Amino acid sequence: MKPVRVVLDAMGGDFAPKNEVQGAVAAVRTLGSRLQLTLVGREADLKAELAAFPESGAITIVHADDVVSMDDEPSSIVKQRQSSSLYIGVERMRSGAADAFVSAGNTGGVMATSTMLCGRIAGVSRPTIGSFLPTKTGRPCLVVDVGANVDSKARFLHDFAVMGSVYYRLMMGVERPSVGLLNVGEEPTKGREVVREAHGLLASANINFVGNVEGRDILSGNVDVVVCDGFEGNIVLKFAESVLGFLKEKLRRYAAGGLVQKLAMAVVAPVLRSALRDMDYQEYGGVPLLGINGVTIIGHGSSSPKAIANMIARAVDVVDRDVNGAISAAITAPLKKETP
């Protein structure tokens, strides 16, 4: 099997290039011959960071003068920031010099540049991003869209569902993942007009659509894929990510209450760490931009080296499993849902 060629925006992120370089080295150590990695960024800075690692010989550097900040306007990057690490990285993927692009930089910029340069898979109305959230069953729930689109049309929600179903099947090995539409109630007549229209489209799609679901169904594990507009999805995602910090602070305060509490926490700490691990975004790395002619993985601006390494690993998996090929087949040749 040929190595997957991944290009990393080494200047994207709050702690770049240090965290990006350390994450890149960790990925090379873990993935070995499966990975061919290129870092894009200011060459002198990257060489200085890589100097401490013997694995640096397995990593290629492509120089980029410019750095896109978190405050830059996403739509301006393609026209005005062509010397940036973000643009050059995406362009390498578009031209065929790389199989995947990974960045923890400006999320809107990464989405806009990837979509404008690479284009959409034929039949896809809008690209989308989805994120896995843990559930009490141990089988994660994929929420899609989590911020790429707001005020989505019913057709968009249909495409999100199809792409999310394909992605879940390939990444989790579930042949027919269950798909639910996020709403304020289970009845098909509830919710906004666009959601009611989307319900009809999903009911006739070749997916395992189980109807409307509510927010409580996400962490309960009642459904594999939850489809929603990016406005609601981003709120769900950010709230879920805040839960880990909230719980850690509550536990810290409890342990600070006295010797008995501190000893109690010491006893249960290993169990708590294991239980909370699934809630840590670093374990999942980044999220894929589904629906473009390429593989782009988007991460948190505050991504740690561990998160960067997992983002790179996610990119390799998406390429190896040909997620785009499966999405293309599902979108362009839809079949009606079989009647039981």
C-alpha atoms as a PDB file:
ATOM      1  CA  MET A   1       0.000   0.000   0.000  1.00  0.00           C
ATOM      2  CA  LYS A   2       1.333   3.413  -0.970  1.00  0.00           C
ATOM      3  CA  PRO A   3       1.881   5.922   1.828  1.00  0.00           C
ATOM      4  CA  VAL A   4      -0.750   8.623   2.204  1.00  0.00           C
ATOM      5  CA  ARG A   5       0.679  12.032   1.366  1.00  0.00           C
ATOM      6  CA  VAL A   6      -0.487  14.483   4.027  1.00  0.00           C
ATOM      7  CA  VAL A   7       0.338  18.186   4.055  1.00  0.00           C
ATOM      8  CA  LEU A   8       0.086  19.981   7.407  1.00  0.00           C
ATOM      9  CA  ASP A   9      -0.449  23.711   7.800  1.00  0.00           C
ATOM     10  CA  ALA A  10       2.353  24.081  10.332  1.00  0.00           C
ATOM     11  CA  MET A  11       1.568  27.738  11.006  1.00  0.00           C
ATOM     12  CA  GLY A  12      -2.140  27.276  11.673  1.00  0.00           C
ATOM     13  CA  GLY A  13      -3.151  27.188  15.322  1.00  0.00           C
ATOM     14  CA  ASP A  14      -2.683  29.108  18.532  1.00  0.00           C
ATOM     15  CA  PHE A  15       0.587  27.357  19.402  1.00  0.00           C
ATOM     16  CA  ALA A  16       2.106  26.961  15.948  1.00  0.00           C
ATOM     17  CA  PRO A  17       4.583  25.850  14.908  1.00  0.00           C
ATOM     18  CA  LYS A  18       5.638  24.124  18.157  1.00  0.00           C
ATOM     19  CA  ASN A  19       2.544  21.960  18.652  1.00  0.00           C
ATOM     20  CA  GLU A  20       2.255  21.247  14.932  1.00  0.00           C
ATOM     21  CA  VAL A  21       5.842  20.027  14.728  1.00  0.00           C
ATOM     22  CA  GLN A  22       5.573  17.886  17.848  1.00  0.00           C
ATOM     23  CA  GLY A  23       2.308  16.416  16.602  1.00  0.00           C
ATOM     24  CA  ALA A  24       3.849  15.742  13.212  1.00  0.00           C
ATOM     25  CA  VAL A  25       6.754  13.877  14.800  1.00  0.00           C
ATOM     26  CA  ALA A  26       4.354  11.822  16.909  1.00  0.00           C
ATOM     27  CA  ALA A  27       2.353  10.923  13.804  1.00  0.00           C
ATOM     28  CA  VAL A  28       5.487   9.819  11.956  1.00  0.00           C
ATOM     29  CA  ARG A  29       6.477   7.633  14.891  1.00  0.00           C
ATOM     30  CA  THR A  30       3.030   6.023  15.035  1.00  0.00           C
ATOM     31  CA  LEU A  31       2.131   5.675  11.364  1.00  0.00           C
ATOM     32  CA  GLY A  32       5.563   4.932   9.940  1.00  0.00           C
ATOM     33  CA  SER A  33       5.449   3.858   6.293  1.00  0.00           C
ATOM     34  CA  ARG A  34       1.718   4.611   6.018  1.00  0.00           C
ATOM     35  CA  LEU A  35       2.496   8.333   6.080  1.00  0.00           C
ATOM     36  CA  GLN A  36       4.401  10.730   3.843  1.00  0.00           C
ATOM     37  CA  LEU A  37       4.275  14.074   5.649  1.00  0.00           C
ATOM     38  CA  THR A  38       4.956  17.615   4.457  1.00  0.00           C
ATOM     39  CA  LEU A  39       4.925  20.710   6.672  1.00  0.00           C
ATOM     40  CA  VAL A  40       4.066  24.058   5.091  1.00  0.00           C
ATOM     41  CA  GLY A  41       5.234  27.200   6.833  1.00  0.00           C
ATOM     42  CA  ARG A  42       8.186  29.439   7.514  1.00  0.00           C
ATOM     43  CA  GLU A  43      11.139  27.201   6.780  1.00  0.00           C
ATOM     44  CA  ALA A  44      13.567  28.643   9.313  1.00  0.00           C
ATOM     45  CA  ASP A  45      11.048  28.308  12.139  1.00  0.00           C
ATOM     46  CA  LEU A  46      10.139  24.755  11.197  1.00  0.00           C
ATOM     47  CA  LYS A  47      13.766  23.638  10.917  1.00  0.00           C
ATOM     48  CA  ALA A  48      14.482  25.097  14.335  1.00  0.00           C
ATOM     49  CA  GLU A  49      11.580  23.165  15.886  1.00  0.00           C
ATOM     50  CA  LEU A  50      12.480  19.940  14.079  1.00  0.00           C
ATOM     51  CA  ALA A  51      16.153  20.078  15.045  1.00  0.00           C
ATOM     52  CA  ALA A  52      15.540  18.243  18.322  1.00  0.00           C
ATOM     53  CA  PHE A  53      13.914  15.236  16.666  1.00  0.00           C
ATOM     54  CA  PRO A  54      15.714  12.441  14.803  1.00  0.00           C
ATOM     55  CA  GLU A  55      12.489  11.818  12.859  1.00  0.00           C
ATOM     56  CA  SER A  56      12.882  15.169  11.096  1.00  0.00           C
ATOM     57  CA  GLY A  57      14.516  13.416   8.151  1.00  0.00           C
ATOM     58  CA  ALA A  58      11.195  11.763   7.337  1.00  0.00           C
ATOM     59  CA  ILE A  59       9.390  15.105   7.142  1.00  0.00           C
ATOM     60  CA  THR A  60       9.495  17.457   4.148  1.00  0.00           C
ATOM     61  CA  ILE A  61       9.259  21.239   4.488  1.00  0.00           C
ATOM     62  CA  VAL A  62       7.639  23.578   1.948  1.00  0.00           C
ATOM     63  CA  HIS A  63       8.279  27.256   2.635  1.00  0.00           C
ATOM     64  CA  ALA A  64       5.422  29.747   2.969  1.00  0.00           C
ATOM     65  CA  ASP A  65       6.021  33.395   3.861  1.00  0.00           C
ATOM     66  CA  ASP A  66       2.546  34.341   4.980  1.00  0.00           C
ATOM     67  CA  VAL A  67       0.409  33.162   7.900  1.00  0.00           C
ATOM     68  CA  VAL A  68      -3.384  33.416   8.012  1.00  0.00           C
ATOM     69  CA  SER A  69      -4.587  34.578  11.432  1.00  0.00           C
ATOM     70  CA  MET A  70      -7.795  33.596  13.191  1.00  0.00           C
ATOM     71  CA  ASP A  71      -9.183  37.080  12.495  1.00  0.00           C
ATOM     72  CA  ASP A  72      -8.623  37.096   8.722  1.00  0.00           C
ATOM     73  CA  GLU A  73     -11.656  37.136   6.448  1.00  0.00           C
ATOM     74  CA  PRO A  74     -12.071  33.613   4.974  1.00  0.00           C
ATOM     75  CA  SER A  75     -13.246  34.805   1.554  1.00  0.00           C
ATOM     76  CA  SER A  76     -10.129  36.930   1.028  1.00  0.00           C
ATOM     77  CA  ILE A  77      -7.587  34.123   1.327  1.00  0.00           C
ATOM     78  CA  VAL A  78      -7.881  32.699  -2.194  1.00  0.00           C
ATOM     79  CA  LYS A  79      -7.419  36.100  -3.845  1.00  0.00           C
ATOM     80  CA  GLN A  80      -5.085  37.877  -1.449  1.00  0.00           C
ATOM     81  CA  ARG A  81      -3.157  35.314   0.615  1.00  0.00           C
ATOM     82  CA  GLN A  82      -1.711  32.934  -1.963  1.00  0.00           C
ATOM     83  CA  SER A  83       1.675  32.909  -0.224  1.00  0.00           C
ATOM     84  CA  SER A  84       0.143  31.727   3.047  1.00  0.00           C
ATOM     85  CA  SER A  85       0.715  28.269   4.498  1.00  0.00           C
ATOM     86  CA  LEU A  86      -3.039  27.627   4.374  1.00  0.00           C
ATOM     87  CA  TYR A  87      -3.385  28.428   0.682  1.00  0.00           C
ATOM     88  CA  ILE A  88      -0.198  26.639  -0.371  1.00  0.00           C
ATOM     89  CA  GLY A  89      -1.191  23.543   1.609  1.00  0.00           C
ATOM     90  CA  VAL A  90      -4.641  23.322   0.019  1.00  0.00           C
ATOM     91  CA  GLU A  91      -3.198  24.033  -3.412  1.00  0.00           C
ATOM     92  CA  ARG A  92      -0.792  21.110  -3.057  1.00  0.00           C
ATOM     93  CA  MET A  93      -3.765  18.852  -2.407  1.00  0.00           C
ATOM     94  CA  ARG A  94      -5.737  20.310  -5.311  1.00  0.00           C
ATOM     95  CA  SER A  95      -2.828  19.844  -7.719  1.00  0.00           C
ATOM     96  CA  GLY A  96      -2.337  16.205  -6.735  1.00  0.00           C
ATOM     97  CA  ALA A  97       0.935  16.730  -4.845  1.00  0.00           C
ATOM     98  CA  ALA A  98      -0.824  15.623  -1.638  1.00  0.00           C
ATOM     99  CA  ASP A  99      -3.742  13.358  -0.760  1.00  0.00           C
ATOM    100  CA  ALA A 100      -4.941  15.282   2.288  1.00  0.00           C
ATOM    101  CA  PHE A 101      -4.622  18.646   4.023  1.00  0.00           C
ATOM    102  CA  VAL A 102      -4.664  19.175   7.789  1.00  0.00           C
ATOM    103  CA  SER A 103      -4.951  22.489   9.653  1.00  0.00           C
ATOM    104  CA  ALA A 104      -5.780  23.833  13.099  1.00  0.00           C
ATOM    105  CA  GLY A 105      -5.899  27.350  11.693  1.00  0.00           C
ATOM    106  CA  ASN A 106      -8.740  29.711  10.799  1.00  0.00           C
ATOM    107  CA  THR A 107     -11.708  27.323  10.457  1.00  0.00           C
ATOM    108  CA  GLY A 108     -13.681  29.512   8.081  1.00  0.00           C
ATOM    109  CA  GLY A 109     -10.559  30.082   6.019  1.00  0.00           C
ATOM    110  CA  VAL A 110      -9.780  26.379   5.802  1.00  0.00           C
ATOM    111  CA  MET A 111     -13.350  25.577   4.721  1.00  0.00           C
ATOM    112  CA  ALA A 112     -13.593  28.420   2.203  1.00  0.00           C
ATOM    113  CA  THR A 113     -10.175  27.816   0.653  1.00  0.00           C
ATOM    114  CA  SER A 114     -10.660  24.047   0.420  1.00  0.00           C
ATOM    115  CA  THR A 115     -14.082  24.453  -1.174  1.00  0.00           C
ATOM    116  CA  MET A 116     -13.074  27.203  -3.617  1.00  0.00           C
ATOM    117  CA  LEU A 117      -9.861  25.531  -4.779  1.00  0.00           C
ATOM    118  CA  CYS A 118     -10.967  21.904  -4.817  1.00  0.00           C
ATOM    119  CA  GLY A 119     -14.653  22.227  -5.654  1.00  0.00           C
ATOM    120  CA  ARG A 120     -17.482  19.991  -4.516  1.00  0.00           C
ATOM    121  CA  ILE A 121     -18.086  16.342  -5.261  1.00  0.00           C
ATOM    122  CA  ALA A 122     -20.645  16.143  -8.082  1.00  0.00           C
ATOM    123  CA  GLY A 123     -24.151  16.229  -6.651  1.00  0.00           C
ATOM    124  CA  VAL A 124     -23.197  17.650  -3.249  1.00  0.00           C
ATOM    125  CA  SER A 125     -25.159  20.823  -2.516  1.00  0.00           C
ATOM    126  CA  ARG A 126     -22.936  22.024   0.334  1.00  0.00           C
ATOM    127  CA  PRO A 127     -19.834  20.599   2.034  1.00  0.00           C
ATOM    128  CA  THR A 128     -20.286  19.877   5.717  1.00  0.00           C
ATOM    129  CA  ILE A 129     -18.311  19.084   8.837  1.00  0.00           C
ATOM    130  CA  GLY A 130     -19.285  16.450  11.372  1.00  0.00           C
ATOM    131  CA  SER A 131     -17.926  15.618  14.795  1.00  0.00           C
ATOM    132  CA  PHE A 132     -18.080  12.461  16.897  1.00  0.00           C
ATOM    133  CA  LEU A 133     -19.489  12.823  20.403  1.00  0.00           C
ATOM    134  CA  PRO A 134     -19.276  10.102  23.074  1.00  0.00           C
ATOM    135  CA  THR A 135     -22.381   8.253  24.244  1.00  0.00           C
ATOM    136  CA  LYS A 136     -23.251   6.132  27.248  1.00  0.00           C
ATOM    137  CA  THR A 137     -23.301   3.042  25.010  1.00  0.00           C
ATOM    138  CA  GLY A 138     -19.637   3.431  24.073  1.00  0.00           C
ATOM    139  CA  ARG A 139     -20.509   3.839  20.390  1.00  0.00           C
ATOM    140  CA  PRO A 140     -20.014   7.487  19.360  1.00  0.00           C
ATOM    141  CA  CYS A 141     -22.656   9.657  17.752  1.00  0.00           C
ATOM    142  CA  LEU A 142     -21.759  11.708  14.676  1.00  0.00           C
ATOM    143  CA  VAL A 143     -23.350  15.174  14.668  1.00  0.00           C
ATOM    144  CA  VAL A 144     -23.431  16.817  11.252  1.00  0.00           C
ATOM    145  CA  ASP A 145     -23.359  19.791  10.467  1.00  0.00           C
ATOM    146  CA  VAL A 146     -21.409  21.383  13.337  1.00  0.00           C
ATOM    147  CA  GLY A 147     -20.722  24.789  11.882  1.00  0.00           C
ATOM    148  CA  ALA A 148     -19.993  24.820   8.162  1.00  0.00           C
ATOM    149  CA  ASN A 149     -23.479  25.985   7.129  1.00  0.00           C
ATOM    150  CA  VAL A 150     -26.206  28.094   8.718  1.00  0.00           C
ATOM    151  CA  ASP A 151     -29.785  28.518   7.508  1.00  0.00           C
ATOM    152  CA  SER A 152     -29.521  25.242   5.631  1.00  0.00           C
ATOM    153  CA  LYS A 153     -32.134  24.256   3.074  1.00  0.00           C
ATOM    154  CA  ALA A 154     -33.870  20.892   3.252  1.00  0.00           C
ATOM    155  CA  ARG A 155     -31.736  19.595   0.370  1.00  0.00           C
ATOM    156  CA  PHE A 156     -28.592  20.475   2.301  1.00  0.00           C
ATOM    157  CA  LEU A 157     -29.809  18.497   5.319  1.00  0.00           C
ATOM    158  CA  HIS A 158     -30.513  15.548   3.033  1.00  0.00           C
ATOM    159  CA  ASP A 159     -26.951  15.656   1.708  1.00  0.00           C
ATOM    160  CA  PHE A 160     -25.528  16.003   5.221  1.00  0.00           C
ATOM    161  CA  ALA A 161     -27.419  12.860   6.193  1.00  0.00           C
ATOM    162  CA  VAL A 162     -26.156  10.860   3.226  1.00  0.00           C
ATOM    163  CA  MET A 163     -22.547  11.982   3.718  1.00  0.00           C
ATOM    164  CA  GLY A 164     -22.730  11.448   7.472  1.00  0.00           C
ATOM    165  CA  SER A 165     -24.129   7.952   6.995  1.00  0.00           C
ATOM    166  CA  VAL A 166     -21.346   7.062   4.558  1.00  0.00           C
ATOM    167  CA  TYR A 167     -18.662   8.491   6.833  1.00  0.00           C
ATOM    168  CA  TYR A 168     -19.977   6.661   9.898  1.00  0.00           C
ATOM    169  CA  ARG A 169     -20.210   3.374   8.015  1.00  0.00           C
ATOM    170  CA  LEU A 170     -16.644   3.553   6.759  1.00  0.00           C
ATOM    171  CA  MET A 171     -15.024   4.890   9.920  1.00  0.00           C
ATOM    172  CA  MET A 172     -16.980   2.857  12.469  1.00  0.00           C
ATOM    173  CA  GLY A 173     -17.648  -0.311  10.476  1.00  0.00           C
ATOM    174  CA  VAL A 174     -21.435  -0.123  10.950  1.00  0.00           C
ATOM    175  CA  GLU A 175     -23.170  -1.315   7.791  1.00  0.00           C
ATOM    176  CA  ARG A 176     -26.389   0.714   8.150  1.00  0.00           C
ATOM    177  CA  PRO A 177     -25.931   3.387  10.805  1.00  0.00           C
ATOM    178  CA  SER A 178     -29.133   4.888  12.169  1.00  0.00           C
ATOM    179  CA  VAL A 179     -29.755   8.506  11.172  1.00  0.00           C
ATOM    180  CA  GLY A 180     -31.931  10.969  13.077  1.00  0.00           C
ATOM    181  CA  LEU A 181     -32.998  14.540  12.321  1.00  0.00           C
ATOM    182  CA  LEU A 182     -32.545  16.933  15.250  1.00  0.00           C
ATOM    183  CA  ASN A 183     -35.831  18.559  16.170  1.00  0.00           C
ATOM    184  CA  VAL A 184     -37.883  19.787  19.118  1.00  0.00           C
ATOM    185  CA  GLY A 185     -39.996  16.633  19.132  1.00  0.00           C
ATOM    186  CA  GLU A 186     -40.258  13.215  17.551  1.00  0.00           C
ATOM    187  CA  GLU A 187     -43.405  13.854  15.507  1.00  0.00           C
ATOM    188  CA  PRO A 188     -42.825  14.552  11.771  1.00  0.00           C
ATOM    189  CA  THR A 189     -45.128  17.577  11.954  1.00  0.00           C
ATOM    190  CA  LYS A 190     -43.021  19.394  14.569  1.00  0.00           C
ATOM    191  CA  GLY A 191     -40.327  21.980  14.037  1.00  0.00           C
ATOM    192  CA  ARG A 192     -39.532  24.591  11.420  1.00  0.00           C
ATOM    193  CA  GLU A 193     -40.773  24.234   7.861  1.00  0.00           C
ATOM    194  CA  VAL A 194     -37.302  23.411   6.526  1.00  0.00           C
ATOM    195  CA  VAL A 195     -36.939  20.583   9.044  1.00  0.00           C
ATOM    196  CA  ARG A 196     -40.360  19.179   8.181  1.00  0.00           C
ATOM    197  CA  GLU A 197     -39.414  19.256   4.492  1.00  0.00           C
ATOM    198  CA  ALA A 198     -36.085  17.589   5.238  1.00  0.00           C
ATOM    199  CA  HIS A 199     -37.911  14.845   7.140  1.00  0.00           C
ATOM    200  CA  GLY A 200     -39.720  13.879   3.950  1.00  0.00           C
ATOM    201  CA  LEU A 201     -36.499  13.820   1.930  1.00  0.00           C
ATOM    202  CA  LEU A 202     -34.676  11.681   4.485  1.00  0.00           C
ATOM    203  CA  ALA A 203     -37.588   9.257   4.747  1.00  0.00           C
ATOM    204  CA  SER A 204     -37.182   8.418   1.050  1.00  0.00           C
ATOM    205  CA  ALA A 205     -33.374   8.346   0.990  1.00  0.00           C
ATOM    206  CA  ASN A 206     -31.280   5.188   0.939  1.00  0.00           C
ATOM    207  CA  ILE A 207     -30.226   5.577   4.549  1.00  0.00           C
ATOM    208  CA  ASN A 208     -31.415   4.052   7.801  1.00  0.00           C
ATOM    209  CA  PHE A 209     -33.521   7.058   8.772  1.00  0.00           C
ATOM    210  CA  VAL A 210     -35.258   6.616  12.142  1.00  0.00           C
ATOM    211  CA  GLY A 211     -37.094   9.952  12.220  1.00  0.00           C
ATOM    212  CA  ASN A 212     -36.778  13.011  14.419  1.00  0.00           C
ATOM    213  CA  VAL A 213     -34.584  12.928  17.517  1.00  0.00           C
ATOM    214  CA  GLU A 214     -34.060  15.377  20.357  1.00  0.00           C
ATOM    215  CA  GLY A 215     -30.934  16.721  22.017  1.00  0.00           C
ATOM    216  CA  ARG A 216     -31.082  14.100  24.755  1.00  0.00           C
ATOM    217  CA  ASP A 217     -30.702  11.342  22.165  1.00  0.00           C
ATOM    218  CA  ILE A 218     -27.145  12.390  21.264  1.00  0.00           C
ATOM    219  CA  LEU A 219     -25.246  11.420  24.412  1.00  0.00           C
ATOM    220  CA  SER A 220     -27.687   8.587  25.142  1.00  0.00           C
ATOM    221  CA  GLY A 221     -26.500   6.767  22.017  1.00  0.00           C
ATOM    222  CA  ASN A 222     -30.018   6.231  20.674  1.00  0.00           C
ATOM    223  CA  VAL A 223     -28.868   7.093  17.160  1.00  0.00           C
ATOM    224  CA  ASP A 224     -25.565   6.880  15.247  1.00  0.00           C
ATOM    225  CA  VAL A 225     -25.839  10.044  13.127  1.00  0.00           C
ATOM    226  CA  VAL A 226     -27.678  13.233  14.076  1.00  0.00           C
ATOM    227  CA  VAL A 227     -28.377  15.700  11.261  1.00  0.00           C
ATOM    228  CA  CYS A 228     -28.937  19.403  11.874  1.00  0.00           C
ATOM    229  CA  ASP A 229     -28.198  22.882  10.597  1.00  0.00           C
ATOM    230  CA  GLY A 230     -24.721  24.148  11.451  1.00  0.00           C
ATOM    231  CA  PHE A 231     -26.100  26.827  13.759  1.00  0.00           C
ATOM    232  CA  GLU A 232     -27.668  24.289  16.103  1.00  0.00           C
ATOM    233  CA  GLY A 233     -24.872  21.786  15.564  1.00  0.00           C
ATOM    234  CA  ASN A 234     -22.137  24.193  16.556  1.00  0.00           C
ATOM    235  CA  ILE A 235     -23.982  25.067  19.750  1.00  0.00           C
ATOM    236  CA  VAL A 236     -24.331  21.358  20.563  1.00  0.00           C
ATOM    237  CA  LEU A 237     -20.628  20.769  19.855  1.00  0.00           C
ATOM    238  CA  LYS A 238     -19.332  23.715  21.894  1.00  0.00           C
ATOM    239  CA  PHE A 239     -21.600  22.838  24.807  1.00  0.00           C
ATOM    240  CA  ALA A 240     -20.451  19.197  24.742  1.00  0.00           C
ATOM    241  CA  GLU A 241     -16.801  20.262  24.660  1.00  0.00           C
ATOM    242  CA  SER A 242     -17.330  22.490  27.697  1.00  0.00           C
ATOM    243  CA  VAL A 243     -18.654  19.602  29.782  1.00  0.00           C
ATOM    244  CA  LEU A 244     -15.183  18.085  30.261  1.00  0.00           C
ATOM    245  CA  GLY A 245     -13.739  21.301  31.682  1.00  0.00           C
ATOM    246  CA  PHE A 246     -16.796  21.751  33.887  1.00  0.00           C
ATOM    247  CA  LEU A 247     -16.483  18.252  35.354  1.00  0.00           C
ATOM    248  CA  LYS A 248     -12.746  18.602  35.918  1.00  0.00           C
ATOM    249  CA  GLU A 249     -13.265  21.841  37.831  1.00  0.00           C
ATOM    250  CA  LYS A 250     -16.062  20.345  39.951  1.00  0.00           C
ATOM    251  CA  LEU A 251     -13.843  17.380  40.831  1.00  0.00           C
ATOM    252  CA  ARG A 252     -10.893  19.660  41.631  1.00  0.00           C
ATOM    253  CA  ARG A 253     -13.021  21.707  44.009  1.00  0.00           C
ATOM    254  CA  TYR A 254     -14.336  18.561  45.635  1.00  0.00           C
ATOM    255  CA  ALA A 255     -10.792  17.270  46.221  1.00  0.00           C
ATOM    256  CA  ALA A 256      -9.800  20.639  47.711  1.00  0.00           C
ATOM    257  CA  GLY A 257     -12.504  20.267  50.368  1.00  0.00           C
ATOM    258  CA  GLY A 258     -10.367  18.266  52.760  1.00  0.00           C
ATOM    259  CA  LEU A 259      -8.227  15.181  53.312  1.00  0.00           C
ATOM    260  CA  VAL A 260     -11.109  12.713  53.111  1.00  0.00           C
ATOM    261  CA  GLN A 261     -12.281  14.111  49.785  1.00  0.00           C
ATOM    262  CA  LYS A 262      -8.712  14.145  48.458  1.00  0.00           C
ATOM    263  CA  LEU A 263      -8.218  10.486  49.375  1.00  0.00           C
ATOM    264  CA  ALA A 264     -11.566   9.597  47.805  1.00  0.00           C
ATOM    265  CA  MET A 265     -10.556  11.310  44.578  1.00  0.00           C
ATOM    266  CA  ALA A 266      -7.208   9.504  44.576  1.00  0.00           C
ATOM    267  CA  VAL A 267      -9.038   6.176  44.699  1.00  0.00           C
ATOM    268  CA  VAL A 268     -11.467   6.912  41.878  1.00  0.00           C
ATOM    269  CA  ALA A 269      -9.125   9.052  39.738  1.00  0.00           C
ATOM    270  CA  PRO A 270      -8.066   6.234  37.338  1.00  0.00           C
ATOM    271  CA  VAL A 271     -11.691   5.327  36.686  1.00  0.00           C
ATOM    272  CA  LEU A 272     -12.652   8.965  36.147  1.00  0.00           C
ATOM    273  CA  ARG A 273      -9.776   9.556  33.736  1.00  0.00           C
ATOM    274  CA  SER A 274     -10.861   6.543  31.699  1.00  0.00           C
ATOM    275  CA  ALA A 275     -14.507   7.629  31.721  1.00  0.00           C
ATOM    276  CA  LEU A 276     -13.712  11.210  30.740  1.00  0.00           C
ATOM    277  CA  ARG A 277     -11.217  10.313  28.011  1.00  0.00           C
ATOM    278  CA  ASP A 278     -13.993   9.873  25.441  1.00  0.00           C
ATOM    279  CA  MET A 279     -15.101  13.445  26.059  1.00  0.00           C
ATOM    280  CA  ASP A 280     -11.702  14.897  25.171  1.00  0.00           C
ATOM    281  CA  TYR A 281     -11.656  16.316  21.631  1.00  0.00           C
ATOM    282  CA  GLN A 282      -7.946  15.516  21.442  1.00  0.00           C
ATOM    283  CA  GLU A 283      -8.802  11.822  21.230  1.00  0.00           C
ATOM    284  CA  TYR A 284     -10.756  12.397  18.019  1.00  0.00           C
ATOM    285  CA  GLY A 285      -8.336  14.903  16.503  1.00  0.00           C
ATOM    286  CA  GLY A 286     -10.046  17.025  13.889  1.00  0.00           C
ATOM    287  CA  VAL A 287     -13.205  16.889  11.822  1.00  0.00           C
ATOM    288  CA  PRO A 288     -13.370  16.223   8.079  1.00  0.00           C
ATOM    289  CA  LEU A 289     -14.824  18.654   5.570  1.00  0.00           C
ATOM    290  CA  LEU A 290     -17.126  16.207   3.785  1.00  0.00           C
ATOM    291  CA  GLY A 291     -18.223  16.818   0.210  1.00  0.00           C
ATOM    292  CA  ILE A 292     -15.166  18.453  -1.388  1.00  0.00           C
ATOM    293  CA  ASN A 293     -12.870  16.975  -4.032  1.00  0.00           C
ATOM    294  CA  GLY A 294     -10.139  16.366  -1.510  1.00  0.00           C
ATOM    295  CA  VAL A 295      -9.571  15.434   2.112  1.00  0.00           C
ATOM    296  CA  THR A 296      -9.370  18.347   4.538  1.00  0.00           C
ATOM    297  CA  ILE A 297      -9.204  17.784   8.295  1.00  0.00           C
ATOM    298  CA  ILE A 298      -9.978  20.793  10.502  1.00  0.00           C
ATOM    299  CA  GLY A 299      -8.842  21.044  14.109  1.00  0.00           C
ATOM    300  CA  HIS A 300      -9.152  23.346  17.127  1.00  0.00           C
ATOM    301  CA  GLY A 301      -6.951  26.394  17.168  1.00  0.00           C
ATOM    302  CA  SER A 302      -5.738  25.288  20.597  1.00  0.00           C
ATOM    303  CA  SER A 303      -4.885  21.764  19.409  1.00  0.00           C
ATOM    304  CA  SER A 304      -2.197  20.014  21.421  1.00  0.00           C
ATOM    305  CA  PRO A 305       0.519  17.866  19.797  1.00  0.00           C
ATOM    306  CA  LYS A 306      -1.644  14.837  20.583  1.00  0.00           C
ATOM    307  CA  ALA A 307      -4.611  16.377  18.777  1.00  0.00           C
ATOM    308  CA  ILE A 308      -2.427  17.275  15.775  1.00  0.00           C
ATOM    309  CA  ALA A 309      -1.123  13.700  15.572  1.00  0.00           C
ATOM    310  CA  ASN A 310      -4.676  12.359  15.711  1.00  0.00           C
ATOM    311  CA  MET A 311      -5.754  14.787  12.988  1.00  0.00           C
ATOM    312  CA  ILE A 312      -3.035  13.431  10.728  1.00  0.00           C
ATOM    313  CA  ALA A 313      -4.064   9.874  11.538  1.00  0.00           C
ATOM    314  CA  ARG A 314      -7.687  10.770  10.729  1.00  0.00           C
ATOM    315  CA  ALA A 315      -6.594  12.122   7.346  1.00  0.00           C
ATOM    316  CA  VAL A 316      -4.798   8.865   6.557  1.00  0.00           C
ATOM    317  CA  ASP A 317      -7.887   6.845   7.490  1.00  0.00           C
ATOM    318  CA  VAL A 318     -10.214   8.979   5.363  1.00  0.00           C
ATOM    319  CA  VAL A 319      -7.949   8.551   2.333  1.00  0.00           C
ATOM    320  CA  ASP A 320      -7.372   4.828   2.889  1.00  0.00           C
ATOM    321  CA  ARG A 321     -11.108   4.140   3.200  1.00  0.00           C
ATOM    322  CA  ASP A 322     -11.951   6.213   0.109  1.00  0.00           C
ATOM    323  CA  VAL A 323     -14.641   8.205   1.875  1.00  0.00           C
ATOM    324  CA  ASN A 324     -14.955  10.577  -1.075  1.00  0.00           C
ATOM    325  CA  GLY A 325     -15.533   7.751  -3.531  1.00  0.00           C
ATOM    326  CA  ALA A 326     -18.283   6.329  -1.355  1.00  0.00           C
ATOM    327  CA  ILE A 327     -19.903   9.765  -0.935  1.00  0.00           C
ATOM    328  CA  SER A 328     -19.828  10.318  -4.691  1.00  0.00           C
ATOM    329  CA  ALA A 329     -21.570   7.004  -5.295  1.00  0.00           C
ATOM    330  CA  ALA A 330     -24.209   7.666  -2.639  1.00  0.00           C
ATOM    331  CA  ILE A 331     -24.949  11.242  -3.733  1.00  0.00           C
ATOM    332  CA  THR A 332     -24.982  10.794  -7.513  1.00  0.00           C
ATOM    333  CA  ALA A 333     -26.828   7.479  -7.610  1.00  0.00           C
ATOM    334  CA  PRO A 334     -29.340   7.608  -4.747  1.00  0.00           C
ATOM    335  CA  LEU A 335     -31.728   4.728  -4.282  1.00  0.00           C
ATOM    336  CA  LYS A 336     -35.129   4.859  -2.671  1.00  0.00           C
ATOM    337  CA  LYS A 337     -35.321   3.397   0.778  1.00  0.00           C
ATOM    338  CA  GLU A 338     -36.606  -0.137   0.691  1.00  0.00           C
ATOM    339  CA  THR A 339     -40.102  -0.675   2.055  1.00  0.00           C
ATOM    340  CA  PRO A 340     -40.137  -3.219   4.905  1.00  0.00           C
END
